[in-house]
Amino acid sequence: MAANYWESTQRRFWQFSKDELAQMRDELEKSDQALVQMFSLPRRTHLNIYFNQQIGRLSKRLNVKQQAVATAQLYIKRFYCKVEIRRTNPYLVLTTALYLACKMEECPQHIRMFVAEARSLWPDLLHLEVSRVGECEFFLISEMNSQLIVHQPYRTLTSLQSDFYLTPDEINLALSVINDHYMTDLPLLYPPHIIALTAILLALVLRPNPVPGGNAANLAAAAATLTQVQQTRPGASGSGQNTPGGTEKDKQQEVRVGKVQRFAAFLAESNVDIEGMIDCTQELISFYECQEQYNDKLSREQINRFVKARGLDKH
């Protein structure tokens, strides 16, 4: 494994700008225009949500740890940067990506278990044999140029949680944000430490109302906090004092504001990419707004339509 992210293939080959990512996807669609016009797909965010749900169902049946699930989700994103989705059976790709991720994250399970559970989950969409998973695994590895090591935000969160005195609830909320970011393009756009720091900030800001999707105002406040940090660099001391509150609620608010100030001071004194964190926050705001409009039935029907129409469920 690369000693750190900065020397990794993830940084050198699988981190893109938004323009680069859009261009890759446009070229893929142009190469298969007839297919694209014939079969409409859900908007990309809804597609990601659907894939996340399906891989979550399979992983629960197999008791796969979250880090392997996250790695599988990134494999799927990388693969579909190279291959037009309508040319594949996504259910086979999901199954294979999770199988491969489990091996890479050192929690392997027998291939027959994956085949059995996938058949049970999607009986009308996947007539699966062990050999098909093996073939698809080779396909995935080839398209990813055998660059399979993935650096995750979880490690940064673990290393920093004591520095910012995160409570168990705040840690769980940060983990939830990290898990959610795999349903966006952010893993292909930013380093894992930027994602982790953004998740910590959102956990601190969202703490009183721990449902990100219902808290757009607080998400916007997080972006405003980052903008303020950016404007005060260098020289932010973060040592501001709060007037002691009289009630328990006041004291809790004082502690929370103190944590945010401590975190802001850390960012102001560091070389962290604040613009990147602002963009991550905005992307997550957009994601949670889009998530509220997600229609599972429609997304499933659009995907299953091209799978069946092209006979991809038969082989």
C-alpha atoms as a PDB file:
ATOM      1  CA  MET A   1       0.000   0.000   0.000  1.00  0.00           C
ATOM      2  CA  ALA A   2       1.219   3.534  -0.727  1.00  0.00           C
ATOM      3  CA  ALA A   3       2.685   5.091   2.424  1.00  0.00           C
ATOM      4  CA  ASN A   4       0.225   7.940   2.219  1.00  0.00           C
ATOM      5  CA  TYR A   5      -2.430   9.440   0.028  1.00  0.00           C
ATOM      6  CA  TRP A   6      -0.061  11.918  -1.628  1.00  0.00           C
ATOM      7  CA  GLU A   7       2.019   9.099  -3.140  1.00  0.00           C
ATOM      8  CA  SER A   8      -0.946   6.911  -4.022  1.00  0.00           C
ATOM      9  CA  THR A   9      -2.459   5.954  -7.375  1.00  0.00           C
ATOM     10  CA  GLN A  10      -5.717   7.359  -6.012  1.00  0.00           C
ATOM     11  CA  ARG A  11      -4.262  10.871  -6.026  1.00  0.00           C
ATOM     12  CA  ARG A  12      -2.267  10.482  -9.241  1.00  0.00           C
ATOM     13  CA  PHE A  13      -4.865   8.764 -11.416  1.00  0.00           C
ATOM     14  CA  TRP A  14      -8.302   8.873  -9.783  1.00  0.00           C
ATOM     15  CA  GLN A  15      -8.708  12.433  -8.537  1.00  0.00           C
ATOM     16  CA  PHE A  16     -10.296  14.721 -11.114  1.00  0.00           C
ATOM     17  CA  SER A  17     -11.522  18.252 -11.524  1.00  0.00           C
ATOM     18  CA  LYS A  18     -15.237  18.738 -12.139  1.00  0.00           C
ATOM     19  CA  ASP A  19     -14.535  19.663 -15.750  1.00  0.00           C
ATOM     20  CA  GLU A  20     -12.433  16.545 -16.306  1.00  0.00           C
ATOM     21  CA  LEU A  21     -15.128  14.336 -14.809  1.00  0.00           C
ATOM     22  CA  ALA A  22     -17.848  15.954 -16.915  1.00  0.00           C
ATOM     23  CA  GLN A  23     -15.758  15.552 -20.063  1.00  0.00           C
ATOM     24  CA  MET A  24     -15.125  11.858 -19.398  1.00  0.00           C
ATOM     25  CA  ARG A  25     -18.825  11.243 -18.917  1.00  0.00           C
ATOM     26  CA  ASP A  26     -19.777  13.247 -21.989  1.00  0.00           C
ATOM     27  CA  GLU A  27     -17.343  11.254 -24.120  1.00  0.00           C
ATOM     28  CA  LEU A  28     -18.781   7.993 -22.806  1.00  0.00           C
ATOM     29  CA  GLU A  29     -22.309   9.036 -23.729  1.00  0.00           C
ATOM     30  CA  LYS A  30     -21.242  10.293 -27.154  1.00  0.00           C
ATOM     31  CA  SER A  31     -19.618   6.936 -27.883  1.00  0.00           C
ATOM     32  CA  ASP A  32     -22.975   5.208 -27.274  1.00  0.00           C
ATOM     33  CA  GLN A  33     -25.473   7.846 -28.346  1.00  0.00           C
ATOM     34  CA  ALA A  34     -28.038   5.405 -29.710  1.00  0.00           C
ATOM     35  CA  LEU A  35     -28.047   3.476 -26.466  1.00  0.00           C
ATOM     36  CA  VAL A  36     -28.243   6.645 -24.376  1.00  0.00           C
ATOM     37  CA  GLN A  37     -31.214   7.931 -26.369  1.00  0.00           C
ATOM     38  CA  MET A  38     -32.998   4.599 -26.199  1.00  0.00           C
ATOM     39  CA  PHE A  39     -32.777   4.174 -22.425  1.00  0.00           C
ATOM     40  CA  SER A  40     -33.108   7.135 -20.086  1.00  0.00           C
ATOM     41  CA  LEU A  41     -31.545   6.820 -16.637  1.00  0.00           C
ATOM     42  CA  PRO A  42     -32.279   8.488 -13.293  1.00  0.00           C
ATOM     43  CA  ARG A  43     -30.315  11.657 -12.585  1.00  0.00           C
ATOM     44  CA  ARG A  44     -26.842  10.743 -11.412  1.00  0.00           C
ATOM     45  CA  THR A  45     -27.460  11.478  -7.728  1.00  0.00           C
ATOM     46  CA  HIS A  46     -30.554   9.272  -7.716  1.00  0.00           C
ATOM     47  CA  LEU A  47     -28.606   6.564  -9.517  1.00  0.00           C
ATOM     48  CA  ASN A  48     -25.962   6.759  -6.776  1.00  0.00           C
ATOM     49  CA  ILE A  49     -28.622   6.540  -4.071  1.00  0.00           C
ATOM     50  CA  TYR A  50     -30.135   3.466  -5.707  1.00  0.00           C
ATOM     51  CA  PHE A  51     -26.755   1.769  -6.036  1.00  0.00           C
ATOM     52  CA  ASN A  52     -25.965   2.626  -2.425  1.00  0.00           C
ATOM     53  CA  GLN A  53     -29.208   1.026  -1.278  1.00  0.00           C
ATOM     54  CA  GLN A  54     -28.652  -2.136  -3.298  1.00  0.00           C
ATOM     55  CA  ILE A  55     -25.046  -2.621  -2.222  1.00  0.00           C
ATOM     56  CA  GLY A  56     -26.174  -1.952   1.343  1.00  0.00           C
ATOM     57  CA  ARG A  57     -28.748  -4.736   1.105  1.00  0.00           C
ATOM     58  CA  LEU A  58     -26.147  -7.191  -0.187  1.00  0.00           C
ATOM     59  CA  SER A  59     -23.525  -6.172   2.378  1.00  0.00           C
ATOM     60  CA  LYS A  60     -25.966  -6.654   5.278  1.00  0.00           C
ATOM     61  CA  ARG A  61     -26.708 -10.191   4.163  1.00  0.00           C
ATOM     62  CA  LEU A  62     -22.987 -10.940   4.119  1.00  0.00           C
ATOM     63  CA  ASN A  63     -22.072  -8.887   7.231  1.00  0.00           C
ATOM     64  CA  VAL A  64     -19.518  -6.858   5.277  1.00  0.00           C
ATOM     65  CA  LYS A  65     -17.770  -4.066   7.193  1.00  0.00           C
ATOM     66  CA  GLN A  66     -18.451  -0.465   6.168  1.00  0.00           C
ATOM     67  CA  GLN A  67     -14.932   0.239   4.904  1.00  0.00           C
ATOM     68  CA  ALA A  68     -15.249  -2.545   2.332  1.00  0.00           C
ATOM     69  CA  VAL A  69     -18.669  -1.200   1.296  1.00  0.00           C
ATOM     70  CA  ALA A  70     -17.122   2.253   0.818  1.00  0.00           C
ATOM     71  CA  THR A  71     -14.283   0.801  -1.244  1.00  0.00           C
ATOM     72  CA  ALA A  72     -16.808  -1.042  -3.419  1.00  0.00           C
ATOM     73  CA  GLN A  73     -18.732   2.175  -4.007  1.00  0.00           C
ATOM     74  CA  LEU A  74     -15.556   3.909  -5.165  1.00  0.00           C
ATOM     75  CA  TYR A  75     -14.730   0.980  -7.463  1.00  0.00           C
ATOM     76  CA  ILE A  76     -18.167   1.366  -9.035  1.00  0.00           C
ATOM     77  CA  LYS A  77     -17.607   5.084  -9.589  1.00  0.00           C
ATOM     78  CA  ARG A  78     -14.209   4.479 -11.169  1.00  0.00           C
ATOM     79  CA  PHE A  79     -15.532   1.693 -13.371  1.00  0.00           C
ATOM     80  CA  TYR A  80     -18.415   3.788 -14.674  1.00  0.00           C
ATOM     81  CA  CYS A  81     -15.990   6.581 -15.528  1.00  0.00           C
ATOM     82  CA  LYS A  82     -14.596   4.175 -18.123  1.00  0.00           C
ATOM     83  CA  VAL A  83     -17.612   2.083 -19.157  1.00  0.00           C
ATOM     84  CA  GLU A  84     -21.091   3.248 -20.199  1.00  0.00           C
ATOM     85  CA  ILE A  85     -23.530   1.882 -17.618  1.00  0.00           C
ATOM     86  CA  ARG A  86     -26.100   0.742 -20.201  1.00  0.00           C
ATOM     87  CA  ARG A  87     -23.541  -1.740 -21.545  1.00  0.00           C
ATOM     88  CA  THR A  88     -23.453  -3.570 -18.217  1.00  0.00           C
ATOM     89  CA  ASN A  89     -25.721  -5.320 -15.759  1.00  0.00           C
ATOM     90  CA  PRO A  90     -25.314  -3.028 -12.712  1.00  0.00           C
ATOM     91  CA  TYR A  91     -26.371  -5.792 -10.337  1.00  0.00           C
ATOM     92  CA  LEU A  92     -23.473  -7.944 -11.524  1.00  0.00           C
ATOM     93  CA  VAL A  93     -21.101  -4.967 -11.233  1.00  0.00           C
ATOM     94  CA  LEU A  94     -22.314  -4.192  -7.685  1.00  0.00           C
ATOM     95  CA  THR A  95     -21.869  -7.804  -6.609  1.00  0.00           C
ATOM     96  CA  THR A  96     -18.410  -8.072  -8.135  1.00  0.00           C
ATOM     97  CA  ALA A  97     -17.234  -4.713  -6.779  1.00  0.00           C
ATOM     98  CA  LEU A  98     -18.210  -5.739  -3.247  1.00  0.00           C
ATOM     99  CA  TYR A  99     -16.543  -9.141  -3.650  1.00  0.00           C
ATOM    100  CA  LEU A 100     -13.325  -7.486  -4.852  1.00  0.00           C
ATOM    101  CA  ALA A 101     -13.451  -4.800  -2.151  1.00  0.00           C
ATOM    102  CA  CYS A 102     -13.764  -7.443   0.558  1.00  0.00           C
ATOM    103  CA  LYS A 103     -10.573  -9.069  -0.680  1.00  0.00           C
ATOM    104  CA  MET A 104      -8.728  -5.757  -0.812  1.00  0.00           C
ATOM    105  CA  GLU A 105      -9.924  -4.713   2.660  1.00  0.00           C
ATOM    106  CA  GLU A 106      -8.844  -8.073   4.098  1.00  0.00           C
ATOM    107  CA  CYS A 107     -12.322  -9.362   4.932  1.00  0.00           C
ATOM    108  CA  PRO A 108     -12.775 -11.866   2.068  1.00  0.00           C
ATOM    109  CA  GLN A 109     -15.738 -14.186   1.731  1.00  0.00           C
ATOM    110  CA  HIS A 110     -16.202 -17.137  -0.570  1.00  0.00           C
ATOM    111  CA  ILE A 111     -17.362 -16.216  -4.047  1.00  0.00           C
ATOM    112  CA  ARG A 112     -20.193 -18.756  -3.833  1.00  0.00           C
ATOM    113  CA  MET A 113     -21.692 -16.845  -0.905  1.00  0.00           C
ATOM    114  CA  PHE A 114     -21.798 -13.675  -2.990  1.00  0.00           C
ATOM    115  CA  VAL A 115     -23.390 -15.502  -5.889  1.00  0.00           C
ATOM    116  CA  ALA A 116     -26.034 -17.130  -3.676  1.00  0.00           C
ATOM    117  CA  GLU A 117     -27.007 -13.903  -1.906  1.00  0.00           C
ATOM    118  CA  ALA A 118     -27.048 -11.851  -5.118  1.00  0.00           C
ATOM    119  CA  ARG A 119     -29.294 -14.407  -6.826  1.00  0.00           C
ATOM    120  CA  SER A 120     -31.630 -14.292  -3.830  1.00  0.00           C
ATOM    121  CA  LEU A 121     -31.757 -10.485  -3.826  1.00  0.00           C
ATOM    122  CA  TRP A 122     -32.293  -9.978  -7.564  1.00  0.00           C
ATOM    123  CA  PRO A 123     -33.734 -13.266  -8.887  1.00  0.00           C
ATOM    124  CA  ASP A 124     -35.308 -11.686 -11.984  1.00  0.00           C
ATOM    125  CA  LEU A 125     -32.266  -9.593 -12.878  1.00  0.00           C
ATOM    126  CA  LEU A 126     -29.298 -11.792 -12.252  1.00  0.00           C
ATOM    127  CA  HIS A 127     -28.923 -15.367 -13.510  1.00  0.00           C
ATOM    128  CA  LEU A 128     -25.522 -15.614 -11.942  1.00  0.00           C
ATOM    129  CA  GLU A 129     -22.808 -18.239 -12.074  1.00  0.00           C
ATOM    130  CA  VAL A 130     -19.509 -18.140 -10.222  1.00  0.00           C
ATOM    131  CA  SER A 131     -17.658 -17.833 -13.513  1.00  0.00           C
ATOM    132  CA  ARG A 132     -19.543 -14.620 -14.363  1.00  0.00           C
ATOM    133  CA  VAL A 133     -18.341 -12.920 -11.188  1.00  0.00           C
ATOM    134  CA  GLY A 134     -14.809 -14.031 -12.001  1.00  0.00           C
ATOM    135  CA  GLU A 135     -15.061 -12.570 -15.505  1.00  0.00           C
ATOM    136  CA  CYS A 136     -16.550  -9.323 -14.211  1.00  0.00           C
ATOM    137  CA  GLU A 137     -13.816  -9.092 -11.556  1.00  0.00           C
ATOM    138  CA  PHE A 138     -11.181  -9.229 -14.280  1.00  0.00           C
ATOM    139  CA  PHE A 139     -13.126  -6.552 -16.209  1.00  0.00           C
ATOM    140  CA  LEU A 140     -13.209  -4.235 -13.167  1.00  0.00           C
ATOM    141  CA  ILE A 141      -9.526  -4.711 -12.382  1.00  0.00           C
ATOM    142  CA  SER A 142      -8.603  -4.093 -16.018  1.00  0.00           C
ATOM    143  CA  GLU A 143     -10.638  -0.877 -16.313  1.00  0.00           C
ATOM    144  CA  MET A 144      -9.141   0.384 -13.055  1.00  0.00           C
ATOM    145  CA  ASN A 145      -5.644  -0.488 -14.302  1.00  0.00           C
ATOM    146  CA  SER A 146      -5.079  -2.710 -11.253  1.00  0.00           C
ATOM    147  CA  GLN A 147      -5.083   0.444  -9.066  1.00  0.00           C
ATOM    148  CA  LEU A 148      -7.157  -0.967  -6.243  1.00  0.00           C
ATOM    149  CA  ILE A 149      -5.785   0.671  -3.082  1.00  0.00           C
ATOM    150  CA  VAL A 150      -8.294   3.151  -1.670  1.00  0.00           C
ATOM    151  CA  HIS A 151      -7.588   5.747   1.013  1.00  0.00           C
ATOM    152  CA  GLN A 152     -10.715   6.507   3.049  1.00  0.00           C
ATOM    153  CA  PRO A 153     -11.774   9.499   5.199  1.00  0.00           C
ATOM    154  CA  TYR A 154     -12.458   7.210   8.166  1.00  0.00           C
ATOM    155  CA  ARG A 155      -8.806   7.124   9.187  1.00  0.00           C
ATOM    156  CA  THR A 156      -8.554  10.930   9.398  1.00  0.00           C
ATOM    157  CA  LEU A 157     -11.744  11.101  11.449  1.00  0.00           C
ATOM    158  CA  THR A 158     -10.407   8.517  13.884  1.00  0.00           C
ATOM    159  CA  SER A 159      -7.094  10.329  14.294  1.00  0.00           C
ATOM    160  CA  LEU A 160      -8.722  13.743  14.924  1.00  0.00           C
ATOM    161  CA  GLN A 161     -11.745  12.886  17.044  1.00  0.00           C
ATOM    162  CA  SER A 162      -9.888  13.278  20.353  1.00  0.00           C
ATOM    163  CA  ASP A 163      -8.215  16.541  19.254  1.00  0.00           C
ATOM    164  CA  PHE A 164     -11.614  18.195  18.870  1.00  0.00           C
ATOM    165  CA  TYR A 165     -13.271  16.414  21.817  1.00  0.00           C
ATOM    166  CA  LEU A 166     -15.945  14.870  19.631  1.00  0.00           C
ATOM    167  CA  THR A 167     -18.738  13.128  21.514  1.00  0.00           C
ATOM    168  CA  PRO A 168     -19.991   9.697  20.394  1.00  0.00           C
ATOM    169  CA  ASP A 169     -23.022  11.387  18.817  1.00  0.00           C
ATOM    170  CA  GLU A 170     -20.800  13.802  16.893  1.00  0.00           C
ATOM    171  CA  ILE A 171     -18.550  10.963  15.741  1.00  0.00           C
ATOM    172  CA  ASN A 172     -21.566   8.989  14.538  1.00  0.00           C
ATOM    173  CA  LEU A 173     -22.912  12.012  12.678  1.00  0.00           C
ATOM    174  CA  ALA A 174     -19.516  12.611  11.031  1.00  0.00           C
ATOM    175  CA  LEU A 175     -19.450   8.946  10.016  1.00  0.00           C
ATOM    176  CA  SER A 176     -22.930   9.342   8.543  1.00  0.00           C
ATOM    177  CA  VAL A 177     -21.775  12.327   6.471  1.00  0.00           C
ATOM    178  CA  ILE A 178     -18.752  10.358   5.240  1.00  0.00           C
ATOM    179  CA  ASN A 179     -20.980   7.438   4.291  1.00  0.00           C
ATOM    180  CA  ASP A 180     -23.339   9.810   2.479  1.00  0.00           C
ATOM    181  CA  HIS A 181     -20.562  11.440   0.470  1.00  0.00           C
ATOM    182  CA  TYR A 182     -20.104   8.158  -1.431  1.00  0.00           C
ATOM    183  CA  MET A 183     -23.459   8.935  -3.076  1.00  0.00           C
ATOM    184  CA  THR A 184     -21.914  12.069  -4.603  1.00  0.00           C
ATOM    185  CA  ASP A 185     -18.955  12.737  -6.913  1.00  0.00           C
ATOM    186  CA  LEU A 186     -16.834  13.985  -4.000  1.00  0.00           C
ATOM    187  CA  PRO A 187     -14.676  10.809  -3.709  1.00  0.00           C
ATOM    188  CA  LEU A 188     -13.482  11.471  -7.267  1.00  0.00           C
ATOM    189  CA  LEU A 189     -12.902  15.180  -6.649  1.00  0.00           C
ATOM    190  CA  TYR A 190     -11.235  15.662  -3.260  1.00  0.00           C
ATOM    191  CA  PRO A 191      -8.684  13.963  -0.983  1.00  0.00           C
ATOM    192  CA  PRO A 192     -10.072  11.883   1.888  1.00  0.00           C
ATOM    193  CA  HIS A 193      -8.782  14.264   4.584  1.00  0.00           C
ATOM    194  CA  ILE A 194     -10.829  17.126   3.077  1.00  0.00           C
ATOM    195  CA  ILE A 195     -13.926  14.931   3.229  1.00  0.00           C
ATOM    196  CA  ALA A 196     -13.198  13.973   6.853  1.00  0.00           C
ATOM    197  CA  LEU A 197     -12.663  17.586   7.943  1.00  0.00           C
ATOM    198  CA  THR A 198     -15.878  18.636   6.228  1.00  0.00           C
ATOM    199  CA  ALA A 199     -17.708  15.805   8.004  1.00  0.00           C
ATOM    200  CA  ILE A 200     -16.323  16.956  11.385  1.00  0.00           C
ATOM    201  CA  LEU A 201     -17.468  20.521  10.759  1.00  0.00           C
ATOM    202  CA  LEU A 202     -20.943  19.380   9.750  1.00  0.00           C
ATOM    203  CA  ALA A 203     -21.135  17.115  12.803  1.00  0.00           C
ATOM    204  CA  LEU A 204     -20.359  20.085  15.052  1.00  0.00           C
ATOM    205  CA  VAL A 205     -22.810  22.393  13.290  1.00  0.00           C
ATOM    206  CA  LEU A 206     -25.607  19.836  12.878  1.00  0.00           C
ATOM    207  CA  ARG A 207     -25.271  18.326  16.333  1.00  0.00           C
ATOM    208  CA  PRO A 208     -28.535  19.721  17.804  1.00  0.00           C
ATOM    209  CA  ASN A 209     -30.533  18.425  14.816  1.00  0.00           C
ATOM    210  CA  PRO A 210     -28.776  15.252  13.677  1.00  0.00           C
ATOM    211  CA  VAL A 211     -30.687  14.731  10.440  1.00  0.00           C
ATOM    212  CA  PRO A 212     -28.610  16.306   7.633  1.00  0.00           C
ATOM    213  CA  GLY A 213     -31.390  16.174   5.073  1.00  0.00           C
ATOM    214  CA  GLY A 214     -33.674  18.316   7.231  1.00  0.00           C
ATOM    215  CA  ASN A 215     -31.093  20.910   8.144  1.00  0.00           C
ATOM    216  CA  ALA A 216     -30.220  22.950   5.067  1.00  0.00           C
ATOM    217  CA  ALA A 217     -29.932  26.143   7.116  1.00  0.00           C
ATOM    218  CA  ASN A 218     -27.259  24.657   9.368  1.00  0.00           C
ATOM    219  CA  LEU A 219     -25.421  23.252   6.358  1.00  0.00           C
ATOM    220  CA  ALA A 220     -25.366  26.738   4.902  1.00  0.00           C
ATOM    221  CA  ALA A 221     -24.056  28.011   8.244  1.00  0.00           C
ATOM    222  CA  ALA A 222     -21.191  25.514   7.956  1.00  0.00           C
ATOM    223  CA  ALA A 223     -20.283  26.937   4.548  1.00  0.00           C
ATOM    224  CA  ALA A 224     -20.413  30.439   6.027  1.00  0.00           C
ATOM    225  CA  THR A 225     -18.057  29.347   8.825  1.00  0.00           C
ATOM    226  CA  LEU A 226     -15.543  28.110   6.255  1.00  0.00           C
ATOM    227  CA  THR A 227     -15.795  31.340   4.287  1.00  0.00           C
ATOM    228  CA  GLN A 228     -15.093  33.296   7.463  1.00  0.00           C
ATOM    229  CA  VAL A 229     -12.057  31.130   8.203  1.00  0.00           C
ATOM    230  CA  GLN A 230     -10.786  31.707   4.686  1.00  0.00           C
ATOM    231  CA  GLN A 231     -11.138  35.460   5.051  1.00  0.00           C
ATOM    232  CA  THR A 232      -9.331  35.597   8.397  1.00  0.00           C
ATOM    233  CA  ARG A 233      -6.267  33.581   7.346  1.00  0.00           C
ATOM    234  CA  PRO A 234      -3.692  34.056   8.759  1.00  0.00           C
ATOM    235  CA  GLY A 235      -4.092  35.295  12.310  1.00  0.00           C
ATOM    236  CA  ALA A 236      -7.287  33.629  13.539  1.00  0.00           C
ATOM    237  CA  SER A 237      -6.674  32.756  17.160  1.00  0.00           C
ATOM    238  CA  GLY A 238      -9.911  30.899  17.826  1.00  0.00           C
ATOM    239  CA  SER A 239      -9.614  31.855  21.481  1.00  0.00           C
ATOM    240  CA  GLY A 240     -12.847  33.823  21.731  1.00  0.00           C
ATOM    241  CA  GLN A 241     -14.685  33.457  25.002  1.00  0.00           C
ATOM    242  CA  ASN A 242     -18.390  32.958  25.427  1.00  0.00           C
ATOM    243  CA  THR A 243     -20.524  34.547  28.068  1.00  0.00           C
ATOM    244  CA  PRO A 244     -21.429  31.759  30.529  1.00  0.00           C
ATOM    245  CA  GLY A 245     -25.018  30.635  30.118  1.00  0.00           C
ATOM    246  CA  GLY A 246     -27.356  30.122  33.016  1.00  0.00           C
ATOM    247  CA  THR A 247     -29.339  27.095  31.856  1.00  0.00           C
ATOM    248  CA  GLU A 248     -28.180  23.633  30.895  1.00  0.00           C
ATOM    249  CA  LYS A 249     -29.199  24.370  27.322  1.00  0.00           C
ATOM    250  CA  ASP A 250     -27.052  27.523  27.377  1.00  0.00           C
ATOM    251  CA  LYS A 251     -24.088  25.548  28.656  1.00  0.00           C
ATOM    252  CA  GLN A 252     -24.491  22.938  25.924  1.00  0.00           C
ATOM    253  CA  GLN A 253     -24.639  25.689  23.319  1.00  0.00           C
ATOM    254  CA  GLU A 254     -21.514  27.277  24.834  1.00  0.00           C
ATOM    255  CA  VAL A 255     -19.630  23.974  24.578  1.00  0.00           C
ATOM    256  CA  ARG A 256     -20.744  23.477  20.986  1.00  0.00           C
ATOM    257  CA  VAL A 257     -19.744  27.003  19.938  1.00  0.00           C
ATOM    258  CA  GLY A 258     -16.403  26.505  21.661  1.00  0.00           C
ATOM    259  CA  LYS A 259     -15.784  23.352  19.644  1.00  0.00           C
ATOM    260  CA  VAL A 260     -16.635  25.119  16.398  1.00  0.00           C
ATOM    261  CA  GLN A 261     -14.265  27.969  17.312  1.00  0.00           C
ATOM    262  CA  ARG A 262     -11.499  25.515  18.153  1.00  0.00           C
ATOM    263  CA  PHE A 263     -12.000  23.748  14.845  1.00  0.00           C
ATOM    264  CA  ALA A 264     -12.083  27.068  12.945  1.00  0.00           C
ATOM    265  CA  ALA A 265      -8.818  28.109  14.602  1.00  0.00           C
ATOM    266  CA  PHE A 266      -7.230  24.822  13.545  1.00  0.00           C
ATOM    267  CA  LEU A 267      -8.306  25.375   9.947  1.00  0.00           C
ATOM    268  CA  ALA A 268      -7.108  28.986   9.938  1.00  0.00           C
ATOM    269  CA  GLU A 269      -3.636  27.974  11.127  1.00  0.00           C
ATOM    270  CA  SER A 270      -3.328  25.005   8.778  1.00  0.00           C
ATOM    271  CA  ASN A 271      -2.702  24.609   5.056  1.00  0.00           C
ATOM    272  CA  VAL A 272      -6.006  22.838   4.547  1.00  0.00           C
ATOM    273  CA  ASP A 273      -7.827  23.561   1.278  1.00  0.00           C
ATOM    274  CA  ILE A 274     -10.684  25.704   2.626  1.00  0.00           C
ATOM    275  CA  GLU A 275     -12.113  26.270  -0.852  1.00  0.00           C
ATOM    276  CA  GLY A 276     -12.300  22.515  -1.246  1.00  0.00           C
ATOM    277  CA  MET A 277     -14.147  22.194   2.073  1.00  0.00           C
ATOM    278  CA  ILE A 278     -16.583  24.921   1.018  1.00  0.00           C
ATOM    279  CA  ASP A 279     -17.267  23.082  -2.227  1.00  0.00           C
ATOM    280  CA  CYS A 280     -17.704  19.774  -0.378  1.00  0.00           C
ATOM    281  CA  THR A 281     -20.226  21.428   1.925  1.00  0.00           C
ATOM    282  CA  GLN A 282     -22.134  22.889  -1.019  1.00  0.00           C
ATOM    283  CA  GLU A 283     -22.130  19.518  -2.793  1.00  0.00           C
ATOM    284  CA  LEU A 284     -23.544  17.859   0.318  1.00  0.00           C
ATOM    285  CA  ILE A 285     -26.226  20.550   0.616  1.00  0.00           C
ATOM    286  CA  SER A 286     -27.200  19.816  -3.002  1.00  0.00           C
ATOM    287  CA  PHE A 287     -27.141  16.083  -2.330  1.00  0.00           C
ATOM    288  CA  TYR A 288     -29.460  16.268   0.693  1.00  0.00           C
ATOM    289  CA  GLU A 289     -31.882  18.473  -1.250  1.00  0.00           C
ATOM    290  CA  CYS A 290     -31.818  16.036  -4.175  1.00  0.00           C
ATOM    291  CA  GLN A 291     -32.239  13.068  -1.826  1.00  0.00           C
ATOM    292  CA  GLU A 292     -35.598  14.439  -0.704  1.00  0.00           C
ATOM    293  CA  GLN A 293     -36.845  14.095  -4.301  1.00  0.00           C
ATOM    294  CA  TYR A 294     -35.607  10.531  -4.732  1.00  0.00           C
ATOM    295  CA  ASN A 295     -38.160   8.088  -6.133  1.00  0.00           C
ATOM    296  CA  ASP A 296     -37.039   4.510  -5.575  1.00  0.00           C
ATOM    297  CA  LYS A 297     -39.713   2.940  -7.776  1.00  0.00           C
ATOM    298  CA  LEU A 298     -38.907   5.153 -10.760  1.00  0.00           C
ATOM    299  CA  SER A 299     -35.145   4.670 -10.406  1.00  0.00           C
ATOM    300  CA  ARG A 300     -35.526   0.892 -10.163  1.00  0.00           C
ATOM    301  CA  GLU A 301     -37.807   0.750 -13.202  1.00  0.00           C
ATOM    302  CA  GLN A 302     -35.454   2.814 -15.366  1.00  0.00           C
ATOM    303  CA  ILE A 303     -32.462   0.632 -14.518  1.00  0.00           C
ATOM    304  CA  ASN A 304     -34.305  -2.672 -14.805  1.00  0.00           C
ATOM    305  CA  ARG A 305     -35.773  -1.637 -18.146  1.00  0.00           C
ATOM    306  CA  PHE A 306     -32.446  -1.518 -19.978  1.00  0.00           C
ATOM    307  CA  VAL A 307     -31.139  -4.593 -18.147  1.00  0.00           C
ATOM    308  CA  LYS A 308     -34.075  -6.664 -19.387  1.00  0.00           C
ATOM    309  CA  ALA A 309     -34.442  -5.035 -22.815  1.00  0.00           C
ATOM    310  CA  ARG A 310     -30.803  -5.715 -23.651  1.00  0.00           C
ATOM    311  CA  GLY A 311     -30.895  -9.247 -22.240  1.00  0.00           C
ATOM    312  CA  LEU A 312     -28.250  -8.401 -19.659  1.00  0.00           C
ATOM    313  CA  ASP A 313     -30.169 -10.391 -17.046  1.00  0.00           C
ATOM    314  CA  LYS A 314     -29.607 -13.597 -19.002  1.00  0.00           C
ATOM    315  CA  HIS A 315     -25.823 -13.711 -18.958  1.00  0.00           C
END
